[in-house]
């Protein structure tokens, strides 16, 4: 788990939200969770699985972006994506 200003990030290291990561998220009582997974069939499946697990506890946002892998986003794209999420 990492902290960025008022935002926390939890790296899943895969497509499964393990109990330890779930507990870390719930402990911080976030207002919203933003899921950034690969934009392929496995990533979309993981988004559905994870969202079903946490949707009753917190709002879930799933933005779309121009690359397959969120690690490939440029800094400018991340800033733009963050602003869009905060606006919504």
N, C-alpha and C. Protein backbone atom coordinates (compact mmCIF):
# COMPACT_ATOMS: atom_id res chain seq x y z
N UNK A 1 0.85 -1.18 0.00
CA UNK A 1 0.00 0.00 0.00
C UNK A 1 0.89 1.23 0.00
N UNK A 2 0.58 2.18 -0.86
CA UNK A 2 1.35 3.43 -0.95
C UNK A 2 0.40 4.61 -0.72
N UNK A 3 0.93 5.73 -0.24
CA UNK A 3 0.14 6.91 0.04
C UNK A 3 0.62 8.06 -0.85
N UNK A 4 -0.31 8.69 -1.55
CA UNK A 4 -0.01 9.84 -2.41
C UNK A 4 -0.97 10.95 -2.05
N UNK A 5 -0.49 11.98 -1.38
CA UNK A 5 -1.35 13.07 -0.92
C UNK A 5 -2.56 12.49 -0.18
N UNK A 6 -3.74 12.68 -0.73
CA UNK A 6 -4.95 12.15 -0.10
C UNK A 6 -5.39 10.83 -0.70
N UNK A 7 -4.53 10.21 -1.50
CA UNK A 7 -4.89 8.99 -2.21
C UNK A 7 -3.99 7.84 -1.77
N UNK A 8 -4.55 6.66 -1.72
CA UNK A 8 -3.80 5.46 -1.42
C UNK A 8 -3.82 4.56 -2.65
N UNK A 9 -2.78 3.80 -2.83
CA UNK A 9 -2.71 2.83 -3.93
C UNK A 9 -2.38 1.47 -3.35
N UNK A 10 -3.05 0.47 -3.85
CA UNK A 10 -2.77 -0.91 -3.46
C UNK A 10 -2.46 -1.67 -4.74
N UNK A 11 -1.25 -2.19 -4.83
CA UNK A 11 -0.87 -2.99 -6.00
C UNK A 11 -1.30 -4.42 -5.75
N UNK A 12 -2.06 -4.96 -6.68
CA UNK A 12 -2.56 -6.31 -6.50
C UNK A 12 -1.51 -7.36 -6.86
N UNK A 13 -0.63 -7.03 -7.79
CA UNK A 13 0.35 -8.02 -8.22
C UNK A 13 -0.31 -9.17 -8.95
N UNK A 14 -1.37 -8.90 -9.62
CA UNK A 14 -2.12 -9.92 -10.34
C UNK A 14 -3.55 -9.47 -10.51
N UNK A 15 -4.44 -10.41 -10.76
CA UNK A 15 -5.82 -10.04 -11.03
C UNK A 15 -6.77 -10.40 -9.90
N UNK A 16 -6.22 -10.73 -8.74
CA UNK A 16 -7.03 -11.15 -7.61
C UNK A 16 -6.87 -10.17 -6.46
N UNK A 17 -7.99 -9.82 -5.85
CA UNK A 17 -7.96 -9.00 -4.65
C UNK A 17 -7.90 -9.95 -3.46
N UNK A 18 -6.70 -10.15 -2.94
CA UNK A 18 -6.51 -11.06 -1.82
C UNK A 18 -7.06 -10.43 -0.54
N UNK A 19 -7.33 -11.28 0.44
CA UNK A 19 -7.92 -10.81 1.70
C UNK A 19 -7.07 -9.74 2.38
N UNK A 20 -5.74 -9.86 2.31
CA UNK A 20 -4.87 -8.86 2.96
C UNK A 20 -5.03 -7.50 2.29
N UNK A 21 -5.10 -7.46 0.96
CA UNK A 21 -5.31 -6.20 0.25
C UNK A 21 -6.70 -5.65 0.54
N UNK A 22 -7.69 -6.53 0.56
CA UNK A 22 -9.06 -6.12 0.87
C UNK A 22 -9.13 -5.50 2.26
N UNK A 23 -8.48 -6.16 3.23
CA UNK A 23 -8.45 -5.64 4.60
C UNK A 23 -7.75 -4.28 4.67
N UNK A 24 -6.64 -4.13 3.91
CA UNK A 24 -5.90 -2.86 3.90
C UNK A 24 -6.78 -1.74 3.34
N UNK A 25 -7.55 -2.06 2.32
CA UNK A 25 -8.45 -1.06 1.72
C UNK A 25 -9.54 -0.68 2.72
N UNK A 26 -10.21 -1.67 3.29
CA UNK A 26 -11.32 -1.41 4.21
C UNK A 26 -10.87 -0.64 5.46
N UNK A 27 -9.66 -0.92 5.92
CA UNK A 27 -9.14 -0.26 7.10
C UNK A 27 -9.05 1.26 6.91
N UNK A 28 -8.80 1.68 5.70
CA UNK A 28 -8.66 3.11 5.40
C UNK A 28 -9.99 3.78 5.09
N UNK A 29 -11.06 3.03 4.99
CA UNK A 29 -12.40 3.53 4.73
C UNK A 29 -12.44 4.55 3.58
N UNK A 30 -12.04 4.15 2.40
CA UNK A 30 -12.03 5.09 1.27
C UNK A 30 -13.44 5.46 0.83
N UNK A 31 -13.55 6.60 0.19
CA UNK A 31 -14.82 7.03 -0.39
C UNK A 31 -15.03 6.39 -1.75
N UNK A 32 -13.91 6.09 -2.41
CA UNK A 32 -13.99 5.54 -3.76
C UNK A 32 -12.75 4.70 -4.04
N UNK A 33 -12.93 3.64 -4.81
CA UNK A 33 -11.84 2.80 -5.28
C UNK A 33 -11.80 2.95 -6.80
N UNK A 34 -10.62 3.19 -7.33
CA UNK A 34 -10.43 3.29 -8.77
C UNK A 34 -9.64 2.07 -9.21
N UNK A 35 -10.23 1.27 -10.07
CA UNK A 35 -9.57 0.06 -10.54
C UNK A 35 -8.86 0.33 -11.87
N UNK A 36 -7.56 0.12 -11.88
CA UNK A 36 -6.76 0.27 -13.09
C UNK A 36 -6.11 -1.07 -13.39
N UNK A 37 -6.71 -1.81 -14.27
CA UNK A 37 -6.18 -3.11 -14.68
C UNK A 37 -5.97 -3.10 -16.19
N UNK A 38 -5.28 -4.10 -16.68
CA UNK A 38 -5.06 -4.19 -18.12
C UNK A 38 -6.39 -4.14 -18.87
N UNK A 39 -6.36 -3.52 -20.03
CA UNK A 39 -7.57 -3.39 -20.84
C UNK A 39 -7.70 -4.57 -21.81
N UNK A 40 -7.54 -5.78 -21.31
CA UNK A 40 -7.75 -6.98 -22.12
C UNK A 40 -8.82 -7.82 -21.44
N UNK A 41 -9.11 -8.99 -21.97
CA UNK A 41 -10.21 -9.79 -21.42
C UNK A 41 -9.92 -10.20 -19.97
N UNK A 42 -8.68 -10.52 -19.64
CA UNK A 42 -8.35 -10.90 -18.27
C UNK A 42 -8.53 -9.72 -17.31
N UNK A 43 -8.10 -8.54 -17.72
CA UNK A 43 -8.25 -7.35 -16.89
C UNK A 43 -9.70 -6.99 -16.67
N UNK A 44 -10.51 -7.06 -17.74
CA UNK A 44 -11.94 -6.75 -17.60
C UNK A 44 -12.63 -7.76 -16.69
N UNK A 45 -12.23 -9.03 -16.80
CA UNK A 45 -12.79 -10.06 -15.91
C UNK A 45 -12.42 -9.80 -14.46
N UNK A 46 -11.18 -9.38 -14.24
CA UNK A 46 -10.71 -9.08 -12.89
C UNK A 46 -11.47 -7.88 -12.32
N UNK A 47 -11.71 -6.87 -13.15
CA UNK A 47 -12.48 -5.70 -12.71
C UNK A 47 -13.85 -6.15 -12.21
N UNK A 48 -14.52 -7.01 -12.96
CA UNK A 48 -15.85 -7.48 -12.55
C UNK A 48 -15.79 -8.25 -11.23
N UNK A 49 -14.80 -9.13 -11.10
CA UNK A 49 -14.67 -9.94 -9.89
C UNK A 49 -14.39 -9.06 -8.67
N UNK A 50 -13.43 -8.15 -8.82
CA UNK A 50 -13.06 -7.28 -7.71
C UNK A 50 -14.20 -6.34 -7.35
N UNK A 51 -14.84 -5.75 -8.36
CA UNK A 51 -15.94 -4.82 -8.11
C UNK A 51 -17.07 -5.52 -7.34
N UNK A 52 -17.39 -6.75 -7.72
CA UNK A 52 -18.44 -7.49 -7.01
C UNK A 52 -18.09 -7.68 -5.53
N UNK A 53 -16.80 -7.85 -5.25
CA UNK A 53 -16.38 -8.10 -3.87
C UNK A 53 -16.46 -6.84 -3.00
N UNK A 54 -16.19 -5.67 -3.60
CA UNK A 54 -16.08 -4.46 -2.77
C UNK A 54 -17.20 -3.45 -2.96
N UNK A 55 -18.06 -3.64 -3.95
CA UNK A 55 -19.06 -2.62 -4.29
C UNK A 55 -20.02 -2.34 -3.12
N UNK A 56 -20.25 -3.30 -2.26
CA UNK A 56 -21.16 -3.03 -1.15
C UNK A 56 -20.51 -2.19 -0.06
N UNK A 57 -19.19 -2.01 -0.12
CA UNK A 57 -18.46 -1.26 0.90
C UNK A 57 -18.03 0.13 0.44
N UNK A 58 -17.86 0.31 -0.86
CA UNK A 58 -17.28 1.55 -1.37
C UNK A 58 -17.66 1.73 -2.85
N UNK A 59 -17.71 2.98 -3.28
CA UNK A 59 -17.96 3.27 -4.69
C UNK A 59 -16.77 2.82 -5.52
N UNK A 60 -17.05 2.23 -6.67
CA UNK A 60 -16.00 1.72 -7.55
C UNK A 60 -16.04 2.49 -8.87
N UNK A 61 -14.88 3.02 -9.28
CA UNK A 61 -14.75 3.69 -10.57
C UNK A 61 -13.82 2.85 -11.44
N UNK A 62 -14.17 2.74 -12.72
CA UNK A 62 -13.36 1.99 -13.66
C UNK A 62 -13.16 2.85 -14.91
N UNK A 63 -12.14 3.69 -14.89
CA UNK A 63 -11.91 4.56 -16.04
C UNK A 63 -11.33 3.77 -17.22
N UNK A 64 -11.48 4.33 -18.40
CA UNK A 64 -10.84 3.75 -19.58
C UNK A 64 -9.65 4.63 -19.94
N UNK A 65 -8.68 4.05 -20.59
CA UNK A 65 -7.47 4.79 -20.95
C UNK A 65 -6.92 4.23 -22.25
N UNK A 66 -5.95 4.94 -22.80
CA UNK A 66 -5.49 4.69 -24.16
C UNK A 66 -4.55 3.50 -24.32
N UNK A 67 -4.03 2.97 -23.24
CA UNK A 67 -3.06 1.88 -23.35
C UNK A 67 -3.66 0.58 -22.81
N UNK A 68 -3.05 -0.54 -23.18
CA UNK A 68 -3.51 -1.83 -22.66
C UNK A 68 -3.19 -1.95 -21.17
N UNK A 69 -2.02 -1.51 -20.79
CA UNK A 69 -1.52 -1.66 -19.43
C UNK A 69 -1.43 -0.29 -18.78
N UNK A 70 -2.03 -0.09 -17.60
CA UNK A 70 -1.97 1.23 -16.96
C UNK A 70 -0.54 1.67 -16.64
N UNK A 71 0.40 0.74 -16.56
CA UNK A 71 1.80 1.11 -16.33
C UNK A 71 2.41 1.83 -17.53
N UNK A 72 1.76 1.76 -18.66
CA UNK A 72 2.25 2.41 -19.88
C UNK A 72 1.71 3.83 -20.05
N UNK A 73 0.86 4.27 -19.15
CA UNK A 73 0.31 5.63 -19.24
C UNK A 73 1.41 6.66 -19.02
N UNK A 74 1.36 7.72 -19.78
CA UNK A 74 2.31 8.81 -19.57
C UNK A 74 1.88 9.61 -18.34
N UNK A 75 2.78 10.42 -17.83
CA UNK A 75 2.46 11.26 -16.67
C UNK A 75 1.27 12.17 -16.98
N UNK A 76 1.27 12.76 -18.17
CA UNK A 76 0.17 13.65 -18.55
C UNK A 76 -1.16 12.90 -18.59
N UNK A 77 -1.15 11.67 -19.07
CA UNK A 77 -2.38 10.87 -19.10
C UNK A 77 -2.87 10.54 -17.69
N UNK A 78 -1.94 10.26 -16.78
CA UNK A 78 -2.30 9.97 -15.40
C UNK A 78 -2.91 11.20 -14.75
N UNK A 79 -2.32 12.36 -14.97
CA UNK A 79 -2.86 13.61 -14.41
C UNK A 79 -4.26 13.86 -14.96
N UNK A 80 -4.44 13.69 -16.25
CA UNK A 80 -5.74 13.90 -16.88
C UNK A 80 -6.76 12.91 -16.35
N UNK A 81 -6.39 11.66 -16.24
CA UNK A 81 -7.26 10.62 -15.72
C UNK A 81 -7.66 10.92 -14.28
N UNK A 82 -6.71 11.32 -13.47
CA UNK A 82 -6.97 11.66 -12.07
C UNK A 82 -7.95 12.82 -11.96
N UNK A 83 -7.75 13.84 -12.77
CA UNK A 83 -8.66 15.00 -12.74
C UNK A 83 -10.07 14.60 -13.15
N UNK A 84 -10.17 13.73 -14.16
CA UNK A 84 -11.49 13.27 -14.60
C UNK A 84 -12.19 12.47 -13.51
N UNK A 85 -11.46 11.60 -12.84
CA UNK A 85 -12.03 10.79 -11.76
C UNK A 85 -12.50 11.70 -10.62
N UNK A 86 -11.68 12.67 -10.25
CA UNK A 86 -12.06 13.56 -9.15
C UNK A 86 -13.25 14.42 -9.50
N UNK A 87 -13.41 14.76 -10.79
CA UNK A 87 -14.53 15.57 -11.24
C UNK A 87 -15.84 14.76 -11.19
N UNK A 88 -15.74 13.49 -11.52
CA UNK A 88 -16.94 12.64 -11.53
C UNK A 88 -17.36 12.38 -10.12
